[in-house]
Amino acid sequence: MAHLHPTGWQEMSGTGAAAREIETLTYLKAALAEEPYRIYHGVHWTNVENGFSAYDEIDFIIVAPNGRVLLVEQKSGFLNETPEGLVKNYAGKPRKVANHIMRSIKGLTERFGGEMSIDYLL
C-alpha cells in the first residue's frame, strides 16, 4: 500500500492550486494503492547558495521500493511559452519552470551526497 506523507491531507479543503494538488494526491493514492511506494507532498527545502539562503518546495516526491525517486512539479493555471522555455507568473513576476525543477533536483541530490538518480515530471 502506498504511504502518503504528511498524513491528514484528506481532511484538508483547499481552493485553487491547493485543491488541484489534493486531487493529485487522491489520484496517486488510488493508482498506487497496491504498491509499497512512499509519496511525500509539499516538501520544503533550504540551502545556502552563493552565500544566500535559497528555499523552495517540491510538490510531490514519489519513492519506489527499489529506491528510485520521481519528482513531480504540478503547475495550475497558465504557462507561457517563451524562447527561454516555459514560464509561470507568480504575483506578476515570471519564473522559469525548468530553473525551478533543476534547482529542486540539485538541492535534493546535494543533500544526499550527489549519488541519487532522480526522474521528474511536469
PDB file of N, CA and C in Angstrom:
ATOM      1  N   MET A   1       0.833  -1.181   0.000  1.00  0.00           N
ATOM      2  CA  MET A   1       0.000   0.000   0.000  1.00  0.00           C
ATOM      3  C   MET A   1       0.876   1.241   0.000  1.00  0.00           C
ATOM      4  N   ALA A   2       0.525   2.225  -0.807  1.00  0.00           N
ATOM      5  CA  ALA A   2       1.270   3.484  -0.857  1.00  0.00           C
ATOM      6  C   ALA A   2       1.105   4.237   0.466  1.00  0.00           C
ATOM      7  N   HIS A   3       2.202   4.807   0.939  1.00  0.00           N
ATOM      8  CA  HIS A   3       2.185   5.597   2.171  1.00  0.00           C
ATOM      9  C   HIS A   3       2.341   7.062   1.794  1.00  0.00           C
ATOM     10  N   LEU A   4       1.391   7.882   2.230  1.00  0.00           N
ATOM     11  CA  LEU A   4       1.429   9.308   1.923  1.00  0.00           C
ATOM     12  C   LEU A   4       1.848  10.098   3.155  1.00  0.00           C
ATOM     13  N   HIS A   5       2.759  11.045   2.915  1.00  0.00           N
ATOM     14  CA  HIS A   5       3.275  11.891   3.980  1.00  0.00           C
ATOM     15  C   HIS A   5       3.158  13.342   3.547  1.00  0.00           C
ATOM     16  N   PRO A   6       2.739  14.254   4.342  1.00  0.00           N
ATOM     17  CA  PRO A   6       2.244  14.049   5.691  1.00  0.00           C
ATOM     18  C   PRO A   6       0.828  13.484   5.686  1.00  0.00           C
ATOM     19  N   THR A   7       0.429  12.968   6.815  1.00  0.00           N
ATOM     20  CA  THR A   7      -0.927  12.460   6.951  1.00  0.00           C
ATOM     21  C   THR A   7      -1.883  13.623   7.198  1.00  0.00           C
ATOM     22  N   GLY A   8      -3.157  13.343   7.129  1.00  0.00           N
ATOM     23  CA  GLY A   8      -4.168  14.363   7.400  1.00  0.00           C
ATOM     24  C   GLY A   8      -4.589  15.150   6.183  1.00  0.00           C
ATOM     25  N   TRP A   9      -4.024  14.864   5.032  1.00  0.00           N
ATOM     26  CA  TRP A   9      -4.342  15.627   3.829  1.00  0.00           C
ATOM     27  C   TRP A   9      -5.787  15.433   3.393  1.00  0.00           C
ATOM     28  N   GLN A  10      -6.403  14.293   3.725  1.00  0.00           N
ATOM     29  CA  GLN A  10      -7.779  14.040   3.303  1.00  0.00           C
ATOM     30  C   GLN A  10      -8.772  14.959   4.003  1.00  0.00           C
ATOM     31  N   GLU A  11      -8.393  15.469   5.160  1.00  0.00           N
ATOM     32  CA  GLU A  11      -9.266  16.372   5.905  1.00  0.00           C
ATOM     33  C   GLU A  11      -9.120  17.818   5.441  1.00  0.00           C
ATOM     34  N   MET A  12      -8.148  18.067   4.585  1.00  0.00           N
ATOM     35  CA  MET A  12      -7.890  19.441   4.134  1.00  0.00           C
ATOM     36  C   MET A  12      -8.862  19.840   3.035  1.00  0.00           C
ATOM     37  N   SER A  13      -9.255  21.078   3.069  1.00  0.00           N
ATOM     38  CA  SER A  13     -10.007  21.623   1.945  1.00  0.00           C
ATOM     39  C   SER A  13      -9.187  22.785   1.414  1.00  0.00           C
ATOM     40  N   GLY A  14      -9.121  22.860   0.140  1.00  0.00           N
ATOM     41  CA  GLY A  14      -8.311  23.914  -0.452  1.00  0.00           C
ATOM     42  C   GLY A  14      -9.027  24.527  -1.633  1.00  0.00           C
ATOM     43  N   THR A  15      -8.512  25.636  -2.069  1.00  0.00           N
ATOM     44  CA  THR A  15      -9.039  26.286  -3.264  1.00  0.00           C
ATOM     45  C   THR A  15      -7.874  26.476  -4.223  1.00  0.00           C
ATOM     46  N   GLY A  16      -8.199  26.701  -5.468  1.00  0.00           N
ATOM     47  CA  GLY A  16      -7.182  26.990  -6.470  1.00  0.00           C
ATOM     48  C   GLY A  16      -6.166  25.880  -6.612  1.00  0.00           C
ATOM     49  N   ALA A  17      -4.885  26.256  -6.612  1.00  0.00           N
ATOM     50  CA  ALA A  17      -3.802  25.293  -6.808  1.00  0.00           C
ATOM     51  C   ALA A  17      -3.778  24.234  -5.708  1.00  0.00           C
ATOM     52  N   ALA A  18      -4.102  24.612  -4.479  1.00  0.00           N
ATOM     53  CA  ALA A  18      -4.114  23.641  -3.377  1.00  0.00           C
ATOM     54  C   ALA A  18      -5.146  22.546  -3.627  1.00  0.00           C
ATOM     55  N   ALA A  19      -6.297  22.915  -4.140  1.00  0.00           N
ATOM     56  CA  ALA A  19      -7.334  21.925  -4.446  1.00  0.00           C
ATOM     57  C   ALA A  19      -6.856  20.975  -5.535  1.00  0.00           C
ATOM     58  N   ARG A  20      -6.131  21.490  -6.524  1.00  0.00           N
ATOM     59  CA  ARG A  20      -5.606  20.638  -7.606  1.00  0.00           C
ATOM     60  C   ARG A  20      -4.604  19.634  -7.045  1.00  0.00           C
ATOM     61  N   GLU A  21      -3.780  20.062  -6.089  1.00  0.00           N
ATOM     62  CA  GLU A  21      -2.799  19.147  -5.504  1.00  0.00           C
ATOM     63  C   GLU A  21      -3.484  18.060  -4.670  1.00  0.00           C
ATOM     64  N   ILE A  22      -4.556  18.400  -3.971  1.00  0.00           N
ATOM     65  CA  ILE A  22      -5.311  17.390  -3.225  1.00  0.00           C
ATOM     66  C   ILE A  22      -5.924  16.379  -4.200  1.00  0.00           C
ATOM     67  N   GLU A  23      -6.396  16.854  -5.351  1.00  0.00           N
ATOM     68  CA  GLU A  23      -6.911  15.940  -6.378  1.00  0.00           C
ATOM     69  C   GLU A  23      -5.812  15.000  -6.869  1.00  0.00           C
ATOM     70  N   THR A  24      -4.613  15.530  -7.042  1.00  0.00           N
ATOM     71  CA  THR A  24      -3.491  14.693  -7.481  1.00  0.00           C
ATOM     72  C   THR A  24      -3.144  13.663  -6.418  1.00  0.00           C
ATOM     73  N   LEU A  25      -3.149  14.056  -5.150  1.00  0.00           N
ATOM     74  CA  LEU A  25      -2.884  13.096  -4.071  1.00  0.00           C
ATOM     75  C   LEU A  25      -3.928  11.983  -4.063  1.00  0.00           C
ATOM     76  N   THR A  26      -5.179  12.340  -4.259  1.00  0.00           N
ATOM     77  CA  THR A  26      -6.255  11.348  -4.310  1.00  0.00           C
ATOM     78  C   THR A  26      -6.013  10.363  -5.456  1.00  0.00           C
ATOM     79  N   TYR A  27      -5.623  10.893  -6.611  1.00  0.00           N
ATOM     80  CA  TYR A  27      -5.330  10.043  -7.764  1.00  0.00           C
ATOM     81  C   TYR A  27      -4.139   9.122  -7.477  1.00  0.00           C
ATOM     82  N   LEU A  28      -3.048   9.675  -6.941  1.00  0.00           N
ATOM     83  CA  LEU A  28      -1.865   8.856  -6.655  1.00  0.00           C
ATOM     84  C   LEU A  28      -2.168   7.755  -5.647  1.00  0.00           C
ATOM     85  N   LYS A  29      -2.938   8.092  -4.640  1.00  0.00           N
ATOM     86  CA  LYS A  29      -3.300   7.088  -3.636  1.00  0.00           C
ATOM     87  C   LYS A  29      -4.061   5.938  -4.280  1.00  0.00           C
ATOM     88  N   ALA A  30      -5.008   6.243  -5.157  1.00  0.00           N
ATOM     89  CA  ALA A  30      -5.787   5.193  -5.830  1.00  0.00           C
ATOM     90  C   ALA A  30      -4.938   4.420  -6.829  1.00  0.00           C
ATOM     91  N   ALA A  31      -4.123   5.127  -7.608  1.00  0.00           N
ATOM     92  CA  ALA A  31      -3.332   4.474  -8.657  1.00  0.00           C
ATOM     93  C   ALA A  31      -2.227   3.590  -8.097  1.00  0.00           C
ATOM     94  N   LEU A  32      -1.698   3.954  -6.935  1.00  0.00           N
ATOM     95  CA  LEU A  32      -0.596   3.195  -6.336  1.00  0.00           C
ATOM     96  C   LEU A  32      -1.041   2.424  -5.095  1.00  0.00           C
ATOM     97  N   ALA A  33      -2.343   2.174  -4.983  1.00  0.00           N
ATOM     98  CA  ALA A  33      -2.912   1.562  -3.772  1.00  0.00           C
ATOM     99  C   ALA A  33      -2.275   0.223  -3.417  1.00  0.00           C
ATOM    100  N   GLU A  34      -1.938  -0.564  -4.404  1.00  0.00           N
ATOM    101  CA  GLU A  34      -1.406  -1.906  -4.145  1.00  0.00           C
ATOM    102  C   GLU A  34       0.118  -1.947  -4.093  1.00  0.00           C
ATOM    103  N   GLU A  35       0.758  -0.822  -4.263  1.00  0.00           N
ATOM    104  CA  GLU A  35       2.216  -0.776  -4.352  1.00  0.00           C
ATOM    105  C   GLU A  35       2.823  -0.159  -3.088  1.00  0.00           C
ATOM    106  N   PRO A  36       4.017  -0.631  -2.701  1.00  0.00           N
ATOM    107  CA  PRO A  36       4.663  -0.086  -1.491  1.00  0.00           C
ATOM    108  C   PRO A  36       5.488   1.179  -1.762  1.00  0.00           C
ATOM    109  N   TYR A  37       4.881   2.157  -2.424  1.00  0.00           N
ATOM    110  CA  TYR A  37       5.549   3.431  -2.697  1.00  0.00           C
ATOM    111  C   TYR A  37       5.402   4.361  -1.506  1.00  0.00           C
ATOM    112  N   ARG A  38       6.304   5.328  -1.420  1.00  0.00           N
ATOM    113  CA  ARG A  38       6.210   6.420  -0.456  1.00  0.00           C
ATOM    114  C   ARG A  38       5.957   7.687  -1.268  1.00  0.00           C
ATOM    115  N   ILE A  39       4.951   8.432  -0.880  1.00  0.00           N
ATOM    116  CA  ILE A  39       4.609   9.669  -1.574  1.00  0.00           C
ATOM    117  C   ILE A  39       4.687  10.810  -0.565  1.00  0.00           C
ATOM    118  N   TYR A  40       5.531  11.776  -0.861  1.00  0.00           N
ATOM    119  CA  TYR A  40       5.715  12.940   0.005  1.00  0.00           C
ATOM    120  C   TYR A  40       5.150  14.154  -0.726  1.00  0.00           C
ATOM    121  N   HIS A  41       4.328  14.909  -0.037  1.00  0.00           N
ATOM    122  CA  HIS A  41       3.663  16.063  -0.638  1.00  0.00           C
ATOM    123  C   HIS A  41       4.124  17.344   0.041  1.00  0.00           C
ATOM    124  N   GLY A  42       4.403  18.357  -0.774  1.00  0.00           N
ATOM    125  CA  GLY A  42       4.750  19.673  -0.221  1.00  0.00           C
ATOM    126  C   GLY A  42       6.034  19.654   0.572  1.00  0.00           C
ATOM    127  N   VAL A  43       7.111  19.159  -0.031  1.00  0.00           N
ATOM    128  CA  VAL A  43       8.390  19.043   0.666  1.00  0.00           C
ATOM    129  C   VAL A  43       9.156  20.362   0.516  1.00  0.00           C
ATOM    130  N   HIS A  44       9.346  21.036   1.624  1.00  0.00           N
ATOM    131  CA  HIS A  44      10.077  22.299   1.632  1.00  0.00           C
ATOM    132  C   HIS A  44      11.553  22.023   1.898  1.00  0.00           C
ATOM    133  N   TRP A  45      12.419  22.767   1.229  1.00  0.00           N
ATOM    134  CA  TRP A  45      13.852  22.595   1.433  1.00  0.00           C
ATOM    135  C   TRP A  45      14.533  23.954   1.448  1.00  0.00           C
ATOM    136  N   THR A  46      15.725  23.955   2.033  1.00  0.00           N
ATOM    137  CA  THR A  46      16.532  25.166   2.059  1.00  0.00           C
ATOM    138  C   THR A  46      17.994  24.791   1.884  1.00  0.00           C
ATOM    139  N   ASN A  47      18.759  25.694   1.330  1.00  0.00           N
ATOM    140  CA  ASN A  47      20.180  25.501   1.057  1.00  0.00           C
ATOM    141  C   ASN A  47      20.859  26.855   1.136  1.00  0.00           C
ATOM    142  N   VAL A  48      22.164  26.848   1.217  1.00  0.00           N
ATOM    143  CA  VAL A  48      22.924  28.084   1.081  1.00  0.00           C
ATOM    144  C   VAL A  48      23.557  28.055  -0.305  1.00  0.00           C
ATOM    145  N   GLU A  49      23.244  29.057  -1.104  1.00  0.00           N
ATOM    146  CA  GLU A  49      23.781  29.159  -2.461  1.00  0.00           C
ATOM    147  C   GLU A  49      24.429  30.520  -2.627  1.00  0.00           C
ATOM    148  N   ASN A  50      25.711  30.521  -2.923  1.00  0.00           N
ATOM    149  CA  ASN A  50      26.467  31.765  -3.109  1.00  0.00           C
ATOM    150  C   ASN A  50      26.340  32.696  -1.905  1.00  0.00           C
ATOM    151  N   GLY A  51      26.326  32.105  -0.723  1.00  0.00           N
ATOM    152  CA  GLY A  51      26.279  32.898   0.499  1.00  0.00           C
ATOM    153  C   GLY A  51      24.905  33.386   0.905  1.00  0.00           C
ATOM    154  N   PHE A  52      23.859  32.969   0.174  1.00  0.00           N
ATOM    155  CA  PHE A  52      22.493  33.389   0.482  1.00  0.00           C
ATOM    156  C   PHE A  52      21.617  32.169   0.718  1.00  0.00           C
ATOM    157  N   SER A  53      20.592  32.359   1.527  1.00  0.00           N
ATOM    158  CA  SER A  53      19.624  31.282   1.745  1.00  0.00           C
ATOM    159  C   SER A  53      18.772  31.106   0.493  1.00  0.00           C
ATOM    160  N   ALA A  54      18.659  29.874   0.069  1.00  0.00           N
ATOM    161  CA  ALA A  54      17.783  29.524  -1.056  1.00  0.00           C
ATOM    162  C   ALA A  54      16.763  28.541  -0.512  1.00  0.00           C
ATOM    163  N   TYR A  55      15.520  28.741  -0.866  1.00  0.00           N
ATOM    164  CA  TYR A  55      14.480  27.839  -0.390  1.00  0.00           C
ATOM    165  C   TYR A  55      13.467  27.624  -1.488  1.00  0.00           C
ATOM    166  N   ASP A  56      12.787  26.499  -1.405  1.00  0.00           N
ATOM    167  CA  ASP A  56      11.784  26.169  -2.405  1.00  0.00           C
ATOM    168  C   ASP A  56      10.952  25.013  -1.876  1.00  0.00           C
ATOM    169  N   GLU A  57      10.111  24.491  -2.745  1.00  0.00           N
ATOM    170  CA  GLU A  57       9.210  23.416  -2.364  1.00  0.00           C
ATOM    171  C   GLU A  57       9.058  22.473  -3.550  1.00  0.00           C
ATOM    172  N   ILE A  58       9.026  21.194  -3.258  1.00  0.00           N
ATOM    173  CA  ILE A  58       8.779  20.168  -4.271  1.00  0.00           C
ATOM    174  C   ILE A  58       7.355  19.681  -4.043  1.00  0.00           C
ATOM    175  N   ASP A  59       6.537  19.710  -5.092  1.00  0.00           N
ATOM    176  CA  ASP A  59       5.125  19.347  -4.930  1.00  0.00           C
ATOM    177  C   ASP A  59       4.947  17.901  -4.500  1.00  0.00           C
ATOM    178  N   PHE A  60       5.583  16.975  -5.213  1.00  0.00           N
ATOM    179  CA  PHE A  60       5.454  15.553  -4.874  1.00  0.00           C
ATOM    180  C   PHE A  60       6.794  14.858  -5.089  1.00  0.00           C
ATOM    181  N   ILE A  61       7.165  14.024  -4.141  1.00  0.00           N
ATOM    182  CA  ILE A  61       8.305  13.127  -4.309  1.00  0.00           C
ATOM    183  C   ILE A  61       7.754  11.720  -4.142  1.00  0.00           C
ATOM    184  N   ILE A  62       7.960  10.893  -5.153  1.00  0.00           N
ATOM    185  CA  ILE A  62       7.498   9.511  -5.093  1.00  0.00           C
ATOM    186  C   ILE A  62       8.737   8.625  -5.060  1.00  0.00           C
ATOM    187  N   VAL A  63       8.830   7.789  -4.021  1.00  0.00           N
ATOM    188  CA  VAL A  63       9.966   6.887  -3.863  1.00  0.00           C
ATOM    189  C   VAL A  63       9.474   5.463  -4.067  1.00  0.00           C
ATOM    190  N   ALA A  64      10.068   4.788  -5.052  1.00  0.00           N
ATOM    191  CA  ALA A  64       9.706   3.408  -5.375  1.00  0.00           C
ATOM    192  C   ALA A  64      10.395   2.458  -4.392  1.00  0.00           C
ATOM    193  N   PRO A  65       9.891   1.227  -4.283  1.00  0.00           N
ATOM    194  CA  PRO A  65      10.506   0.255  -3.383  1.00  0.00           C
ATOM    195  C   PRO A  65      11.989   0.003  -3.683  1.00  0.00           C
ATOM    196  N   ASN A  66      12.408   0.161  -4.940  1.00  0.00           N
ATOM    197  CA  ASN A  66      13.808  -0.055  -5.298  1.00  0.00           C
ATOM    198  C   ASN A  66      14.669   1.188  -5.067  1.00  0.00           C
ATOM    199  N   GLY A  67      14.081   2.264  -4.507  1.00  0.00           N
ATOM    200  CA  GLY A  67      14.824   3.466  -4.182  1.00  0.00           C
ATOM    201  C   GLY A  67      14.839   4.533  -5.264  1.00  0.00           C
ATOM    202  N   ARG A  68      14.266   4.270  -6.414  1.00  0.00           N
ATOM    203  CA  ARG A  68      14.203   5.291  -7.471  1.00  0.00           C
ATOM    204  C   ARG A  68      13.298   6.428  -7.024  1.00  0.00           C
ATOM    205  N   VAL A  69      13.645   7.629  -7.424  1.00  0.00           N
ATOM    206  CA  VAL A  69      12.936   8.823  -6.980  1.00  0.00           C
ATOM    207  C   VAL A  69      12.358   9.552  -8.191  1.00  0.00           C
ATOM    208  N   LEU A  70      11.091   9.947  -8.058  1.00  0.00           N
ATOM    209  CA  LEU A  70      10.414  10.732  -9.087  1.00  0.00           C
ATOM    210  C   LEU A  70       9.909  12.013  -8.441  1.00  0.00           C
ATOM    211  N   LEU A  71      10.333  13.168  -8.985  1.00  0.00           N
ATOM    212  CA  LEU A  71       9.810  14.452  -8.535  1.00  0.00           C
ATOM    213  C   LEU A  71       8.709  14.866  -9.487  1.00  0.00           C
ATOM    214  N   VAL A  72       7.609  15.368  -8.933  1.00  0.00           N
ATOM    215  CA  VAL A  72       6.507  15.849  -9.752  1.00  0.00           C
ATOM    216  C   VAL A  72       6.297  17.320  -9.414  1.00  0.00           C
ATOM    217  N   GLU A  73       6.427  18.151 -10.422  1.00  0.00           N
ATOM    218  CA  GLU A  73       6.155  19.583 -10.280  1.00  0.00           C
ATOM    219  C   GLU A  73       4.805  19.844 -10.926  1.00  0.00           C
ATOM    220  N   GLN A  74       3.842  20.243 -10.124  1.00  0.00           N
ATOM    221  CA  GLN A  74       2.493  20.494 -10.627  1.00  0.00           C
ATOM    222  C   GLN A  74       2.272  21.988 -10.748  1.00  0.00           C
ATOM    223  N   LYS A  75       1.869  22.413 -11.930  1.00  0.00           N
ATOM    224  CA  LYS A  75       1.563  23.820 -12.165  1.00  0.00           C
ATOM    225  C   LYS A  75       0.079  23.936 -12.483  1.00  0.00           C
ATOM    226  N   SER A  76      -0.623  24.756 -11.736  1.00  0.00           N
ATOM    227  CA  SER A  76      -2.031  25.041 -12.008  1.00  0.00           C
ATOM    228  C   SER A  76      -2.105  26.413 -12.648  1.00  0.00           C
ATOM    229  N   GLY A  77      -2.965  26.532 -13.621  1.00  0.00           N
ATOM    230  CA  GLY A  77      -3.088  27.817 -14.301  1.00  0.00           C
ATOM    231  C   GLY A  77      -2.294  27.827 -15.588  1.00  0.00           C
ATOM    232  N   PHE A  78      -2.092  29.016 -16.096  1.00  0.00           N
ATOM    233  CA  PHE A  78      -1.479  29.167 -17.403  1.00  0.00           C
ATOM    234  C   PHE A  78       0.041  29.222 -17.325  1.00  0.00           C
ATOM    235  N   LEU A  79       0.683  28.626 -18.324  1.00  0.00           N
ATOM    236  CA  LEU A  79       2.117  28.745 -18.532  1.00  0.00           C
ATOM    237  C   LEU A  79       2.323  29.500 -19.842  1.00  0.00           C
ATOM    238  N   ASN A  80       3.356  30.279 -19.896  1.00  0.00           N
ATOM    239  CA  ASN A  80       3.691  30.999 -21.126  1.00  0.00           C
ATOM    240  C   ASN A  80       4.899  30.345 -21.772  1.00  0.00           C
ATOM    241  N   GLU A  81       4.815  30.152 -23.084  1.00  0.00           N
ATOM    242  CA  GLU A  81       5.958  29.656 -23.838  1.00  0.00           C
ATOM    243  C   GLU A  81       6.789  30.851 -24.275  1.00  0.00           C
ATOM    244  N   THR A  82       8.071  30.820 -23.930  1.00  0.00           N
ATOM    245  CA  THR A  82       8.987  31.891 -24.304  1.00  0.00           C
ATOM    246  C   THR A  82      10.191  31.257 -25.005  1.00  0.00           C
ATOM    247  N   PRO A  83      11.025  32.062 -25.626  1.00  0.00           N
ATOM    248  CA  PRO A  83      12.241  31.498 -26.225  1.00  0.00           C
ATOM    249  C   PRO A  83      13.150  30.810 -25.194  1.00  0.00           C
ATOM    250  N   GLU A  84      13.035  31.193 -23.920  1.00  0.00           N
ATOM    251  CA  GLU A  84      13.837  30.598 -22.855  1.00  0.00           C
ATOM    252  C   GLU A  84      13.163  29.388 -22.216  1.00  0.00           C
ATOM    253  N   GLY A  85      11.956  29.025 -22.671  1.00  0.00           N
ATOM    254  CA  GLY A  85      11.234  27.885 -22.120  1.00  0.00           C
ATOM    255  C   GLY A  85       9.934  28.313 -21.458  1.00  0.00           C
ATOM    256  N   LEU A  86       9.306  27.363 -20.763  1.00  0.00           N
ATOM    257  CA  LEU A  86       8.034  27.641 -20.096  1.00  0.00           C
ATOM    258  C   LEU A  86       8.229  28.572 -18.906  1.00  0.00           C
ATOM    259  N   VAL A  87       7.295  29.502 -18.750  1.00  0.00           N
ATOM    260  CA  VAL A  87       7.344  30.482 -17.665  1.00  0.00           C
ATOM    261  C   VAL A  87       5.986  30.528 -16.989  1.00  0.00           C
ATOM    262  N   LYS A  88       6.003  30.575 -15.662  1.00  0.00           N
ATOM    263  CA  LYS A  88       4.789  30.743 -14.852  1.00  0.00           C
ATOM    264  C   LYS A  88       4.909  32.076 -14.137  1.00  0.00           C
ATOM    265  N   ASN A  89       3.852  32.875 -14.154  1.00  0.00           N
ATOM    266  CA  ASN A  89       3.849  34.162 -13.453  1.00  0.00           C
ATOM    267  C   ASN A  89       3.339  33.977 -12.030  1.00  0.00           C
ATOM    268  N   TYR A  90       4.102  34.486 -11.089  1.00  0.00           N
ATOM    269  CA  TYR A  90       3.726  34.494  -9.680  1.00  0.00           C
ATOM    270  C   TYR A  90       3.718  35.936  -9.224  1.00  0.00           C
ATOM    271  N   ALA A  91       2.554  36.439  -8.858  1.00  0.00           N
ATOM    272  CA  ALA A  91       2.396  37.828  -8.417  1.00  0.00           C
ATOM    273  C   ALA A  91       3.023  38.784  -9.426  1.00  0.00           C
ATOM    274  N   GLY A  92       2.802  38.495 -10.724  1.00  0.00           N
ATOM    275  CA  GLY A  92       3.295  39.363 -11.778  1.00  0.00           C
ATOM    276  C   GLY A  92       4.757  39.180 -12.137  1.00  0.00           C
ATOM    277  N   LYS A  93       5.460  38.264 -11.435  1.00  0.00           N
ATOM    278  CA  LYS A  93       6.869  38.034 -11.718  1.00  0.00           C
ATOM    279  C   LYS A  93       7.023  36.712 -12.461  1.00  0.00           C
ATOM    280  N   PRO A  94       7.675  36.722 -13.630  1.00  0.00           N
ATOM    281  CA  PRO A  94       7.860  35.479 -14.378  1.00  0.00           C
ATOM    282  C   PRO A  94       8.919  34.589 -13.722  1.00  0.00           C
ATOM    283  N   ARG A  95       8.638  33.295 -13.715  1.00  0.00           N
ATOM    284  CA  ARG A  95       9.578  32.326 -13.146  1.00  0.00           C
ATOM    285  C   ARG A  95       9.717  31.168 -14.128  1.00  0.00           C
ATOM    286  N   LYS A  96      10.940  30.867 -14.523  1.00  0.00           N
ATOM    287  CA  LYS A  96      11.186  29.785 -15.474  1.00  0.00           C
ATOM    288  C   LYS A  96      10.949  28.436 -14.799  1.00  0.00           C
ATOM    289  N   VAL A  97      10.089  27.645 -15.398  1.00  0.00           N
ATOM    290  CA  VAL A  97       9.728  26.343 -14.839  1.00  0.00           C
ATOM    291  C   VAL A  97      10.940  25.418 -14.787  1.00  0.00           C
ATOM    292  N   ALA A  98      11.742  25.385 -15.848  1.00  0.00           N
ATOM    293  CA  ALA A  98      12.920  24.499 -15.882  1.00  0.00           C
ATOM    294  C   ALA A  98      13.896  24.838 -14.763  1.00  0.00           C
ATOM    295  N   ASN A  99      14.109  26.132 -14.492  1.00  0.00           N
ATOM    296  CA  ASN A  99      15.007  26.525 -13.401  1.00  0.00           C
ATOM    297  C   ASN A  99      14.494  26.016 -12.060  1.00  0.00           C
ATOM    298  N   HIS A 100      13.199  26.125 -11.860  1.00  0.00           N
ATOM    299  CA  HIS A 100      12.579  25.654 -10.614  1.00  0.00           C
ATOM    300  C   HIS A 100      12.822  24.160 -10.431  1.00  0.00           C
ATOM    301  N   ILE A 101      12.573  23.390 -11.474  1.00  0.00           N
ATOM    302  CA  ILE A 101      12.741  21.935 -11.395  1.00  0.00           C
ATOM    303  C   ILE A 101      14.209  21.575 -11.167  1.00  0.00           C
ATOM    304  N   MET A 102      15.100  22.158 -11.948  1.00  0.00           N
ATOM    305  CA  MET A 102      16.517  21.815 -11.832  1.00  0.00           C
ATOM    306  C   MET A 102      17.097  22.227 -10.485  1.00  0.00           C
ATOM    307  N   ARG A 103      16.629  23.335  -9.942  1.00  0.00           N
ATOM    308  CA  ARG A 103      17.093  23.776  -8.626  1.00  0.00           C
ATOM    309  C   ARG A 103      16.668  22.786  -7.540  1.00  0.00           C
ATOM    310  N   SER A 104      15.456  22.272  -7.646  1.00  0.00           N
ATOM    311  CA  SER A 104      14.983  21.280  -6.680  1.00  0.00           C
ATOM    312  C   SER A 104      15.766  19.977  -6.794  1.00  0.00           C
ATOM    313  N   ILE A 105      16.021  19.548  -8.029  1.00  0.00           N
ATOM    314  CA  ILE A 105      16.801  18.318  -8.239  1.00  0.00           C
ATOM    315  C   ILE A 105      18.209  18.497  -7.669  1.00  0.00           C
ATOM    316  N   LYS A 106      18.826  19.622  -7.970  1.00  0.00           N
ATOM    317  CA  LYS A 106      20.182  19.885  -7.473  1.00  0.00           C
ATOM    318  C   LYS A 106      20.220  19.897  -5.946  1.00  0.00           C
ATOM    319  N   GLY A 107      19.256  20.591  -5.336  1.00  0.00           N
ATOM    320  CA  GLY A 107      19.215  20.664  -3.876  1.00  0.00           C
ATOM    321  C   GLY A 107      19.039  19.302  -3.235  1.00  0.00           C
ATOM    322  N   LEU A 108      18.163  18.482  -3.789  1.00  0.00           N
ATOM    323  CA  LEU A 108      17.924  17.152  -3.238  1.00  0.00           C
ATOM    324  C   LEU A 108      19.129  16.242  -3.456  1.00  0.00           C
ATOM    325  N   THR A 109      19.715  16.303  -4.638  1.00  0.00           N
ATOM    326  CA  THR A 109      20.887  15.475  -4.941  1.00  0.00           C
ATOM    327  C   THR A 109      22.052  15.826  -4.022  1.00  0.00           C
ATOM    328  N   GLU A 110      22.315  17.107  -3.852  1.00  0.00           N
ATOM    329  CA  GLU A 110      23.412  17.533  -2.984  1.00  0.00           C
ATOM    330  C   GLU A 110      23.173  17.121  -1.537  1.00  0.00           C
ATOM    331  N   ARG A 111      21.922  17.166  -1.116  1.00  0.00           N
ATOM    332  CA  ARG A 111      21.586  16.793   0.260  1.00  0.00           C
ATOM    333  C   ARG A 111      21.945  15.329   0.531  1.00  0.00           C
ATOM    334  N   PHE A 112      21.909  14.493  -0.516  1.00  0.00           N
ATOM    335  CA  PHE A 112      22.207  13.074  -0.364  1.00  0.00           C
ATOM    336  C   PHE A 112      23.559  12.706  -0.972  1.00  0.00           C
ATOM    337  N   GLY A 113      24.485  13.637  -1.010  1.00  0.00           N
ATOM    338  CA  GLY A 113      25.847  13.350  -1.417  1.00  0.00           C
ATOM    339  C   GLY A 113      26.068  13.171  -2.902  1.00  0.00           C
ATOM    340  N   GLY A 114      25.116  13.585  -3.729  1.00  0.00           N
ATOM    341  CA  GLY A 114      25.293  13.529  -5.172  1.00  0.00           C
ATOM    342  C   GLY A 114      25.137  12.163  -5.787  1.00  0.00           C
ATOM    343  N   GLU A 115      24.646  11.202  -5.032  1.00  0.00           N
ATOM    344  CA  GLU A 115      24.564   9.824  -5.521  1.00  0.00           C
ATOM    345  C   GLU A 115      23.136   9.383  -5.820  1.00  0.00           C
ATOM    346  N   MET A 116      22.274  10.305  -6.179  1.00  0.00           N
ATOM    347  CA  MET A 116      20.873   9.957  -6.445  1.00  0.00           C
ATOM    348  C   MET A 116      20.581  10.018  -7.927  1.00  0.00           C
ATOM    349  N   SER A 117      19.721   9.099  -8.371  1.00  0.00           N
ATOM    350  CA  SER A 117      19.187   9.153  -9.716  1.00  0.00           C
ATOM    351  C   SER A 117      17.756   9.636  -9.591  1.00  0.00           C
ATOM    352  N   ILE A 118      17.477  10.829 -10.122  1.00  0.00           N
ATOM    353  CA  ILE A 118      16.166  11.438  -9.952  1.00  0.00           C
ATOM    354  C   ILE A 118      15.518  11.650 -11.318  1.00  0.00           C
ATOM    355  N   ASP A 119      14.294  11.181 -11.457  1.00  0.00           N
ATOM    356  CA  ASP A 119      13.477  11.480 -12.629  1.00  0.00           C
ATOM    357  C   ASP A 119      12.487  12.553 -12.224  1.00  0.00           C
ATOM    358  N   TYR A 120      11.923  13.250 -13.217  1.00  0.00           N
ATOM    359  CA  TYR A 120      10.958  14.291 -12.874  1.00  0.00           C
ATOM    360  C   TYR A 120       9.881  14.394 -13.934  1.00  0.00           C
ATOM    361  N   LEU A 121       8.734  14.882 -13.492  1.00  0.00           N
ATOM    362  CA  LEU A 121       7.585  15.143 -14.356  1.00  0.00           C
ATOM    363  C   LEU A 121       7.086  16.554 -14.109  1.00  0.00           C
ATOM    364  N   LEU A 122       6.555  17.152 -15.161  1.00  0.00           N
ATOM    365  CA  LEU A 122       5.892  18.437 -15.028  1.00  0.00           C
ATOM    366  C   LEU A 122       4.433  18.193 -15.311  1.00  0.00           C
TER     367      LEU A 122
END
